[in-house]
Amino acid sequence: MPQPSVPRKTLGRPPRISREQVVATARRIVAEDGVDRLTMRRLAAAIGSTPMALYHHVRNKEELLVLLLDDYAARTLRRPELPADPRERIVVSASAIHEALADCPWIVEVLTADDLMSTSALWFVEQIVDGLTECGLTPERAVHGYRAIWYYTAGEMVVRAAAARRRTDDDRATYRERVFTEIDPDELPRLAQVADRWASLTVDDTYLDGLRALVDGLLATR
């Protein structure tokens, strides 16, 4: 008796994906494995699509990182109430960036590429540049001043994030800490004076003190 024919399955279009789905999946990959493990191929596999389908939403990994920055900034950056004093506006705006980004070190690692900037963060950049200008710097020098503030902010967070990971991964004394136990007080008297407290002193949060000193230094050159 002939067997009934089985209808052939037709391959339809791959499931439609949205930009929101792309960003959300990329955010999960980065949170779990780090920004270096984010590739268009891996992202496509995680979504259940193809790399070519992703290119309808993002041109390349760099644009994807910009979307991630915008997504993170939109969710976490909160515009603070700004004081009337322009010097304090600079400090408050930079501190708000630091506070938001400090909880997400991978963002800082991406931003240190220097040519990626989130549009959601431009308001904070405006406040810093405007405050420096109101304090007497030319627009050009205000931009240079902003860059100095950003370099300090990003550098502080990158170093602290790396140190925190090292302490989490290995609780043994670091090479630096071992070096300080062997300091010759005759040759390096000041360092010998604080050698036993060096590790604890260098984990103190001194960002705001350093920021104020930096701003004072920038404005002293006007």
Protein backbone atom coordinates (compact mmCIF):
# COMPACT_ATOMS: atom_id res chain seq x y z
CA MET A 1 0.00 0.00 0.00
CA PRO A 2 1.59 3.31 -1.00
CA GLN A 3 2.57 5.59 1.81
CA PRO A 4 1.01 9.04 1.88
CA SER A 5 3.43 11.67 0.76
CA VAL A 6 4.84 13.87 3.47
CA PRO A 7 4.61 17.56 2.67
CA ARG A 8 8.01 19.09 2.19
CA LYS A 9 9.02 21.68 4.75
CA THR A 10 9.84 25.00 3.24
CA LEU A 11 12.49 27.17 4.72
CA GLY A 12 11.01 30.49 5.63
CA ARG A 13 12.76 33.71 6.38
CA PRO A 14 14.89 33.75 9.52
CA PRO A 15 13.13 35.17 12.55
CA ARG A 16 12.97 38.96 12.46
CA ILE A 17 15.16 40.61 15.05
CA SER A 18 15.00 44.10 16.47
CA ARG A 19 17.72 46.55 17.37
CA GLU A 20 16.55 46.33 20.99
CA GLN A 21 17.09 42.55 20.92
CA VAL A 22 20.55 43.02 19.42
CA VAL A 23 21.55 45.50 22.13
CA ALA A 24 20.07 43.43 24.97
CA THR A 25 21.87 40.27 23.84
CA ALA A 26 25.16 42.10 23.34
CA ARG A 27 24.80 43.59 26.82
CA ARG A 28 24.36 40.11 28.30
CA ILE A 29 27.42 38.72 26.49
CA VAL A 30 29.60 41.60 27.66
CA ALA A 31 28.32 41.34 31.24
CA GLU A 32 29.05 37.61 31.37
CA ASP A 33 32.31 37.33 29.44
CA GLY A 34 33.73 40.80 28.81
CA VAL A 35 33.81 43.13 25.83
CA ASP A 36 36.66 41.22 24.14
CA ARG A 37 34.43 38.17 23.73
CA LEU A 38 31.73 40.11 21.90
CA THR A 39 31.84 39.36 18.18
CA MET A 40 29.21 39.72 15.49
CA ARG A 41 29.31 35.96 14.89
CA ARG A 42 28.79 35.11 18.56
CA LEU A 43 26.05 37.72 18.87
CA ALA A 44 24.22 36.28 15.87
CA ALA A 45 24.44 32.75 17.30
CA ALA A 46 23.11 33.93 20.68
CA ILE A 47 20.14 35.60 18.98
CA GLY A 48 19.52 32.63 16.68
CA SER A 49 20.17 34.58 13.53
CA THR A 50 23.01 35.18 11.06
CA PRO A 51 25.78 37.80 11.05
CA MET A 52 24.34 39.18 7.81
CA ALA A 53 21.00 39.81 9.52
CA LEU A 54 22.76 41.84 12.21
CA TYR A 55 24.18 44.19 9.61
CA HIS A 56 20.69 45.50 8.98
CA HIS A 57 20.90 47.02 12.47
CA VAL A 58 24.61 47.69 13.03
CA ARG A 59 27.39 48.16 10.48
CA ASN A 60 30.20 46.73 12.60
CA LYS A 61 31.34 46.03 16.15
CA GLU A 62 32.30 49.67 16.70
CA GLU A 63 28.76 50.84 16.00
CA LEU A 64 27.47 48.07 18.25
CA LEU A 65 29.65 49.35 21.08
CA VAL A 66 28.30 52.86 20.53
CA LEU A 67 24.76 51.46 20.84
CA LEU A 68 25.78 49.70 24.05
CA LEU A 69 27.21 52.94 25.41
CA ASP A 70 24.04 54.83 24.58
CA ASP A 71 21.94 52.08 26.16
CA TYR A 72 24.00 52.08 29.35
CA ALA A 73 24.11 55.87 29.59
CA ALA A 74 20.35 56.17 29.03
CA ARG A 75 19.71 53.68 31.83
CA THR A 76 22.24 54.92 34.39
CA LEU A 77 23.31 58.52 33.80
CA ARG A 78 21.14 60.89 35.77
CA ARG A 79 21.49 64.61 35.29
CA PRO A 80 22.25 66.11 38.69
CA GLU A 81 21.05 69.47 39.90
CA LEU A 82 23.86 71.85 39.07
CA PRO A 83 25.13 74.57 41.41
CA ALA A 84 25.40 78.14 40.20
CA ASP A 85 29.16 78.29 40.68
CA PRO A 86 30.78 77.14 37.39
CA ARG A 87 33.73 75.52 39.18
CA GLU A 88 31.36 73.37 41.21
CA ARG A 89 29.34 72.54 38.08
CA ILE A 90 32.48 71.04 36.60
CA VAL A 91 33.10 68.92 39.69
CA VAL A 92 29.47 67.77 40.00
CA SER A 93 29.21 66.83 36.31
CA ALA A 94 32.48 64.90 36.25
CA SER A 95 31.57 63.15 39.51
CA ALA A 96 28.24 62.06 38.04
CA ILE A 97 30.03 60.44 35.10
CA HIS A 98 32.47 58.74 37.48
CA GLU A 99 29.70 57.42 39.72
CA ALA A 100 27.72 55.97 36.81
CA LEU A 101 30.65 54.35 35.03
CA ALA A 102 32.49 53.03 38.07
CA ASP A 103 29.95 50.19 38.38
CA CYS A 104 30.55 49.07 34.80
CA PRO A 105 34.30 48.82 34.10
CA TRP A 106 33.87 47.41 30.58
CA ILE A 107 32.32 50.73 29.53
CA VAL A 108 35.47 52.54 30.59
CA GLU A 109 37.65 50.11 28.65
CA VAL A 110 35.62 50.88 25.53
CA LEU A 111 35.62 54.63 26.12
CA THR A 112 39.38 54.70 26.47
CA ALA A 113 39.49 53.99 22.74
CA ASP A 114 38.88 57.77 22.71
CA ASP A 115 36.88 57.96 19.50
CA LEU A 116 33.70 56.43 20.90
CA MET A 117 31.34 58.71 22.78
CA SER A 118 27.73 58.19 23.80
CA THR A 119 25.29 60.89 22.71
CA SER A 120 23.51 60.43 26.04
CA ALA A 121 26.65 61.65 27.83
CA LEU A 122 27.10 64.81 25.77
CA TRP A 123 25.06 66.86 28.26
CA PHE A 124 27.69 66.18 30.92
CA VAL A 125 30.50 67.09 28.54
CA GLU A 126 28.66 70.33 27.76
CA GLN A 127 28.46 71.24 31.45
CA ILE A 128 32.18 70.65 31.97
CA VAL A 129 33.24 72.63 28.90
CA ASP A 130 30.77 75.41 29.73
CA GLY A 131 31.98 75.59 33.33
CA LEU A 132 35.60 75.85 32.25
CA THR A 133 34.69 78.56 29.75
CA GLU A 134 32.75 80.55 32.35
CA CYS A 135 35.78 80.33 34.61
CA GLY A 136 37.86 82.12 31.99
CA LEU A 137 39.28 79.50 29.65
CA THR A 138 38.96 79.92 25.90
CA PRO A 139 36.68 77.37 24.20
CA GLU A 140 39.75 75.61 22.83
CA ARG A 141 41.42 75.37 26.22
CA ALA A 142 38.13 74.32 27.77
CA VAL A 143 38.05 71.33 25.41
CA HIS A 144 41.62 70.48 26.40
CA GLY A 145 40.59 70.85 30.03
CA TYR A 146 37.70 68.45 29.54
CA ARG A 147 40.06 65.93 27.99
CA ALA A 148 42.38 66.16 31.00
CA ILE A 149 39.43 65.60 33.33
CA TRP A 150 38.24 62.63 31.28
CA TYR A 151 41.71 61.08 31.14
CA TYR A 152 41.95 61.35 34.92
CA THR A 153 38.45 59.93 35.42
CA ALA A 154 38.83 57.02 33.00
CA GLY A 155 42.35 56.21 34.15
CA GLU A 156 41.32 56.14 37.80
CA MET A 157 38.49 53.72 37.06
CA VAL A 158 40.54 51.43 34.82
CA VAL A 159 43.29 51.08 37.42
CA ARG A 160 40.82 50.47 40.26
CA ALA A 161 38.87 47.91 38.23
CA ALA A 162 42.05 46.01 37.34
CA ALA A 163 43.22 46.05 40.96
CA ALA A 164 39.83 44.82 42.17
CA ARG A 165 39.89 41.92 39.69
CA ARG A 166 43.40 41.00 40.78
CA ARG A 167 42.41 40.97 44.44
CA THR A 168 39.37 38.84 43.63
CA ASP A 169 41.32 36.34 41.54
CA ASP A 170 44.32 36.06 43.85
CA ASP A 171 44.43 37.03 47.52
CA ARG A 172 48.20 36.60 47.73
CA ALA A 173 50.39 39.66 48.20
CA THR A 174 51.10 41.40 44.90
CA TYR A 175 54.58 41.94 43.57
CA ARG A 176 54.28 45.63 44.41
CA GLU A 177 53.37 44.86 48.01
CA ARG A 178 56.33 42.48 48.33
CA VAL A 179 58.65 45.17 46.97
CA PHE A 180 57.55 47.54 49.70
CA THR A 181 58.55 45.08 52.39
CA GLU A 182 62.15 45.28 51.14
CA ILE A 183 62.57 49.05 51.00
CA ASP A 184 65.85 50.45 52.29
CA PRO A 185 64.91 53.34 54.65
CA ASP A 186 68.28 55.00 54.12
CA GLU A 187 67.75 55.23 50.37
CA LEU A 188 63.96 55.77 50.30
CA PRO A 189 63.02 57.25 53.68
CA ARG A 190 59.62 58.66 52.69
CA LEU A 191 58.43 55.43 51.12
CA ALA A 192 59.75 53.45 54.08
CA GLN A 193 57.67 55.67 56.35
CA VAL A 194 54.43 54.52 54.72
CA ALA A 195 55.48 51.12 53.37
CA ASP A 196 53.38 49.08 55.79
CA ARG A 197 50.30 51.16 54.94
CA TRP A 198 50.87 51.53 51.20
CA ALA A 199 48.32 48.91 50.14
CA SER A 200 45.54 50.31 52.32
CA LEU A 201 46.32 53.91 51.41
CA THR A 202 46.22 53.21 47.68
CA VAL A 203 42.72 51.70 47.84
CA ASP A 204 41.27 54.81 49.49
CA ASP A 205 38.76 56.61 47.28
CA THR A 206 40.46 59.93 46.58
CA TYR A 207 38.81 60.62 43.22
CA LEU A 208 37.01 63.77 44.34
CA ASP A 209 40.11 65.24 45.97
CA GLY A 210 42.11 64.62 42.82
CA LEU A 211 39.35 66.05 40.63
CA ARG A 212 39.19 69.28 42.60
CA ALA A 213 42.96 69.63 42.49
CA LEU A 214 42.94 69.04 38.73
CA VAL A 215 40.21 71.62 38.15
CA ASP A 216 42.08 74.14 40.31
CA GLY A 217 45.23 73.52 38.29
CA LEU A 218 43.43 73.94 34.96
CA LEU A 219 41.85 77.21 36.01
CA ALA A 220 45.11 78.55 37.44
CA THR A 221 46.52 78.62 33.90
CA ARG A 222 43.87 80.92 32.46
